[in-house]
C-alpha atoms as a PDB file:
ATOM      1  CA  MET A   1     -12.750  17.898  22.356  1.00  0.00           C
ATOM      2  CA  ALA A   2     -11.475  19.584  25.232  1.00  0.00           C
ATOM      3  CA  THR A   3      -9.875  16.994  27.398  1.00  0.00           C
ATOM      4  CA  LEU A   4      -7.839  17.688  30.757  1.00  0.00           C
ATOM      5  CA  THR A   5      -5.849  14.838  32.239  1.00  0.00           C
ATOM      6  CA  ILE A   6      -5.967  15.731  36.162  1.00  0.00           C
ATOM      7  CA  ALA A   7      -4.759  13.356  38.559  1.00  0.00           C
ATOM      8  CA  GLY A   8      -4.485  10.401  35.773  1.00  0.00           C
ATOM      9  CA  THR A   9      -7.632  10.529  34.714  1.00  0.00           C
ATOM     10  CA  GLN A  10      -8.882  12.319  31.539  1.00  0.00           C
ATOM     11  CA  GLN A  11     -11.784  14.659  31.811  1.00  0.00           C
ATOM     12  CA  GLU A  12     -14.131  16.061  29.423  1.00  0.00           C
ATOM     13  CA  ALA A  13     -15.418  19.791  29.733  1.00  0.00           C
ATOM     14  CA  LYS A  14     -19.529  20.024  29.846  1.00  0.00           C
ATOM     15  CA  PHE A  15     -21.738  22.693  29.288  1.00  0.00           C
ATOM     16  CA  GLY A  16     -24.880  23.027  31.181  1.00  0.00           C
ATOM     17  CA  PHE A  17     -26.840  24.038  34.320  1.00  0.00           C
ATOM     18  CA  ALA A  18     -23.668  22.924  36.599  1.00  0.00           C
ATOM     19  CA  PHE A  19     -20.944  24.536  34.448  1.00  0.00           C
ATOM     20  CA  LYS A  20     -23.301  27.999  34.507  1.00  0.00           C
ATOM     21  CA  ASN A  21     -24.323  28.047  38.366  1.00  0.00           C
ATOM     22  CA  LEU A  22     -20.615  27.867  39.078  1.00  0.00           C
ATOM     23  CA  ALA A  23     -19.286  30.438  36.543  1.00  0.00           C
ATOM     24  CA  ASP A  24     -22.103  32.734  37.980  1.00  0.00           C
ATOM     25  CA  LYS A  25     -21.422  31.967  41.688  1.00  0.00           C
ATOM     26  CA  ASN A  26     -17.656  32.046  41.592  1.00  0.00           C
ATOM     27  CA  TYR A  27     -16.254  33.892  38.650  1.00  0.00           C
ATOM     28  CA  ASN A  28     -19.353  36.397  38.046  1.00  0.00           C
ATOM     29  CA  GLN A  29     -17.771  40.118  37.394  1.00  0.00           C
ATOM     30  CA  LYS A  30     -19.061  43.610  37.276  1.00  0.00           C
ATOM     31  CA  ASP A  31     -18.528  46.135  34.732  1.00  0.00           C
ATOM     32  CA  ASP A  32     -17.586  49.760  35.070  1.00  0.00           C
ATOM     33  CA  LYS A  33     -21.037  50.720  36.207  1.00  0.00           C
ATOM     34  CA  GLY A  34     -21.602  47.965  38.868  1.00  0.00           C
ATOM     35  CA  ASN A  35     -23.537  45.536  36.841  1.00  0.00           C
ATOM     36  CA  GLU A  36     -23.740  41.875  37.436  1.00  0.00           C
ATOM     37  CA  VAL A  37     -21.950  40.559  33.788  1.00  0.00           C
ATOM     38  CA  GLY A  38     -22.597  37.299  34.277  1.00  0.00           C
ATOM     39  CA  GLY A  39     -19.836  34.166  35.076  1.00  0.00           C
ATOM     40  CA  PHE A  40     -20.705  32.785  31.511  1.00  0.00           C
ATOM     41  CA  ASN A  41     -19.063  36.188  29.739  1.00  0.00           C
ATOM     42  CA  GLY A  42     -16.776  36.360  32.295  1.00  0.00           C
ATOM     43  CA  ILE A  43     -14.645  33.068  31.261  1.00  0.00           C
ATOM     44  CA  TYR A  44     -15.761  33.384  27.562  1.00  0.00           C
ATOM     45  CA  THR A  45     -14.238  37.072  27.648  1.00  0.00           C
ATOM     46  CA  GLY A  46     -11.027  35.996  29.429  1.00  0.00           C
ATOM     47  CA  LEU A  47     -10.392  33.014  26.917  1.00  0.00           C
ATOM     48  CA  LEU A  48     -10.550  35.823  24.070  1.00  0.00           C
ATOM     49  CA  GLN A  49      -7.868  37.744  26.063  1.00  0.00           C
ATOM     50  CA  TYR A  50      -5.702  34.595  26.883  1.00  0.00           C
ATOM     51  CA  ASP A  51      -6.364  34.835  30.528  1.00  0.00           C
ATOM     52  CA  ILE A  52      -5.018  31.537  32.022  1.00  0.00           C
ATOM     53  CA  ASP A  53      -7.195  32.373  35.185  1.00  0.00           C
ATOM     54  CA  ALA A  54      -9.996  32.367  32.442  1.00  0.00           C
ATOM     55  CA  LEU A  55      -8.995  28.656  31.602  1.00  0.00           C
ATOM     56  CA  LYS A  56      -8.522  27.838  35.130  1.00  0.00           C
ATOM     57  CA  ALA A  57     -12.313  28.892  35.413  1.00  0.00           C
ATOM     58  CA  PHE A  58     -13.285  27.291  32.211  1.00  0.00           C
ATOM     59  CA  TRP A  59     -12.023  23.875  34.028  1.00  0.00           C
ATOM     60  CA  ASP A  60     -13.510  24.476  37.100  1.00  0.00           C
ATOM     61  CA  CYS A  61     -16.872  24.900  36.037  1.00  0.00           C
ATOM     62  CA  GLY A  62     -16.482  22.765  32.742  1.00  0.00           C
ATOM     63  CA  LEU A  63     -15.914  19.505  35.630  1.00  0.00           C
ATOM     64  CA  ALA A  64     -18.514  21.293  37.929  1.00  0.00           C
ATOM     65  CA  HIS A  65     -21.235  18.184  36.436  1.00  0.00           C
ATOM     66  CA  LEU A  66     -18.606  15.513  38.268  1.00  0.00           C
ATOM     67  CA  LYS A  67     -19.860  14.064  41.712  1.00  0.00           C
ATOM     68  CA  LYS A  68     -16.321  14.504  42.752  1.00  0.00           C
ATOM     69  CA  ARG A  69     -14.783  17.393  41.188  1.00  0.00           C
ATOM     70  CA  PRO A  70     -10.946  17.923  41.096  1.00  0.00           C
ATOM     71  CA  SER A  71      -9.901  20.815  43.366  1.00  0.00           C
ATOM     72  CA  ILE A  72      -8.215  24.256  42.019  1.00  0.00           C
ATOM     73  CA  THR A  73      -5.045  22.820  43.080  1.00  0.00           C
ATOM     74  CA  ASP A  74      -5.408  19.964  40.586  1.00  0.00           C
ATOM     75  CA  ILE A  75      -6.813  21.719  37.836  1.00  0.00           C
ATOM     76  CA  GLU A  76      -4.116  24.298  38.115  1.00  0.00           C
ATOM     77  CA  GLU A  77      -1.310  21.353  37.987  1.00  0.00           C
ATOM     78  CA  ALA A  78      -2.778  19.466  35.149  1.00  0.00           C
ATOM     79  CA  LEU A  79      -2.443  22.811  32.978  1.00  0.00           C
ATOM     80  CA  GLU A  80       0.965  23.431  34.287  1.00  0.00           C
ATOM     81  CA  ALA A  81       1.459  19.664  33.264  1.00  0.00           C
ATOM     82  CA  ARG A  82      -0.237  19.907  29.781  1.00  0.00           C
ATOM     83  CA  ILE A  83       1.331  23.103  29.031  1.00  0.00           C
ATOM     84  CA  GLU A  84       4.662  21.818  29.628  1.00  0.00           C
ATOM     85  CA  GLU A  85       4.044  19.420  27.441  1.00  0.00           C
ATOM     86  CA  ASP A  86       2.703  21.087  24.642  1.00  0.00           C
ATOM     87  CA  GLY A  87       5.085  23.847  25.460  1.00  0.00           C
ATOM     88  CA  ASP A  88       2.813  26.677  25.442  1.00  0.00           C
ATOM     89  CA  THR A  89      -0.573  27.168  26.236  1.00  0.00           C
ATOM     90  CA  ASP A  90      -2.225  27.738  22.949  1.00  0.00           C
ATOM     91  CA  GLN A  91      -3.973  24.611  21.976  1.00  0.00           C
ATOM     92  CA  LEU A  92      -5.851  24.517  25.536  1.00  0.00           C
ATOM     93  CA  PHE A  93      -6.895  28.060  24.734  1.00  0.00           C
ATOM     94  CA  LYS A  94      -8.161  26.955  21.163  1.00  0.00           C
ATOM     95  CA  GLU A  95      -9.853  23.723  22.600  1.00  0.00           C
ATOM     96  CA  ALA A  96     -11.573  25.555  25.426  1.00  0.00           C
ATOM     97  CA  PHE A  97     -12.972  28.798  23.270  1.00  0.00           C
ATOM     98  CA  ARG A  98     -13.837  25.934  20.244  1.00  0.00           C
ATOM     99  CA  GLU A  99     -15.624  24.063  22.852  1.00  0.00           C
ATOM    100  CA  ILE A 100     -17.739  26.692  24.785  1.00  0.00           C
ATOM    101  CA  ASP A 101     -18.373  28.571  21.430  1.00  0.00           C
ATOM    102  CA  ALA A 102     -19.782  25.809  20.080  1.00  0.00           C
ATOM    103  CA  SER A 103     -21.744  24.264  22.937  1.00  0.00           C
ATOM    104  CA  GLY A 104     -25.553  24.090  22.235  1.00  0.00           C
ATOM    105  CA  PHE A 105     -26.221  25.163  25.834  1.00  0.00           C
ATOM    106  CA  PHE A 106     -24.254  28.559  25.576  1.00  0.00           C
ATOM    107  CA  LYS A 107     -25.162  28.784  21.529  1.00  0.00           C
ATOM    108  CA  LYS A 108     -27.777  32.085  22.413  1.00  0.00           C
ATOM    109  CA  SER A 109     -25.246  33.641  24.792  1.00  0.00           C
ATOM    110  CA  VAL A 110     -22.068  33.549  22.507  1.00  0.00           C
ATOM    111  CA  THR A 111     -24.815  34.843  20.079  1.00  0.00           C
ATOM    112  CA  THR A 112     -25.674  37.563  22.046  1.00  0.00           C
ATOM    113  CA  PHE A 113     -22.008  38.394  23.210  1.00  0.00           C
ATOM    114  CA  TRP A 114     -21.399  39.137  19.595  1.00  0.00           C
ATOM    115  CA  LYS A 115     -24.173  41.007  19.071  1.00  0.00           C
ATOM    116  CA  ASN A 116     -23.793  42.849  22.468  1.00  0.00           C
ATOM    117  CA  LEU A 117     -20.437  43.832  21.077  1.00  0.00           C
ATOM    118  CA  GLU A 118     -20.977  45.545  17.893  1.00  0.00           C
ATOM    119  CA  LEU A 119     -23.471  47.474  19.798  1.00  0.00           C
ATOM    120  CA  PHE A 120     -20.891  48.948  21.984  1.00  0.00           C
ATOM    121  CA  LYS A 121     -19.000  50.200  19.143  1.00  0.00           C
ATOM    122  CA  GLY A 122     -22.077  52.425  18.287  1.00  0.00           C
ATOM    123  CA  MET A 123     -21.870  53.885  22.195  1.00  0.00           C
ATOM    124  CA  ALA A 124     -19.558  56.694  21.863  1.00  0.00           C
ATOM    125  CA  ARG A 125     -20.156  59.851  22.542  1.00  0.00           C
ATOM    126  CA  THR A 126     -16.725  61.067  20.664  1.00  0.00           C
ATOM    127  CA  GLU A 127     -15.027  60.141  17.608  1.00  0.00           C
ATOM    128  CA  ALA A 128     -11.831  59.199  19.831  1.00  0.00           C
ATOM    129  CA  GLU A 129     -14.623  57.076  21.912  1.00  0.00           C
ATOM    130  CA  LYS A 130     -15.855  55.735  18.758  1.00  0.00           C
ATOM    131  CA  LYS A 131     -11.867  54.748  17.994  1.00  0.00           C
ATOM    132  CA  GLU A 132     -11.104  53.167  20.804  1.00  0.00           C
ATOM    133  CA  ASN A 133     -14.367  51.136  21.135  1.00  0.00           C
ATOM    134  CA  ALA A 134     -13.793  49.930  17.351  1.00  0.00           C
ATOM    135  CA  GLN A 135     -10.302  49.000  17.935  1.00  0.00           C
ATOM    136  CA  GLY A 136     -11.128  47.032  21.050  1.00  0.00           C
ATOM    137  CA  VAL A 137     -14.166  45.066  19.356  1.00  0.00           C
ATOM    138  CA  GLN A 138     -11.494  44.301  16.313  1.00  0.00           C
ATOM    139  CA  MET A 139      -9.022  42.877  18.682  1.00  0.00           C
ATOM    140  CA  LEU A 140     -11.597  40.670  20.174  1.00  0.00           C
ATOM    141  CA  LEU A 141     -12.895  39.823  16.933  1.00  0.00           C
ATOM    142  CA  ASP A 142      -8.869  38.702  15.845  1.00  0.00           C
ATOM    143  CA  ALA A 143      -8.513  36.792  19.112  1.00  0.00           C
ATOM    144  CA  LYS A 144     -11.986  34.834  17.791  1.00  0.00           C
ATOM    145  CA  THR A 145     -10.938  34.191  14.305  1.00  0.00           C
ATOM    146  CA  GLU A 146      -7.125  33.313  15.809  1.00  0.00           C
ATOM    147  CA  LEU A 147      -9.118  30.624  18.497  1.00  0.00           C
ATOM    148  CA  LEU A 148     -11.072  29.093  15.801  1.00  0.00           C
ATOM    149  CA  ALA A 149      -8.329  28.773  13.461  1.00  0.00           C
END
């Protein structure tokens, strides 16, 4: 279970429309062709890349269900305290990734993400691009294995 103590209160991330809507509103990204990839994909990919901003976005969206949501500053302070307590960010990333990866709400999105990534490997014009794509996909697969271990 992904929990974070914010201002003395232990909070649990939840996955549903509140998460998705806030992710799409605040964390949507565009690919190199200008297409919006969706906030969920941005956060999920960011967690795979150990991006601290993705961890912050995860908690911002994961607490979107609360009537009185903590501020970004409160989330940042809670993350900093947890990092200091744990000595690094590993456990925070693992908890966040495991929860979102196992979420029933995002189950189909996660499956589609990995299927699309496999398709991406074959979408290259040259052998050099194919090799580069395969390396990028392998890097994400390795990160997934590490985060789920």
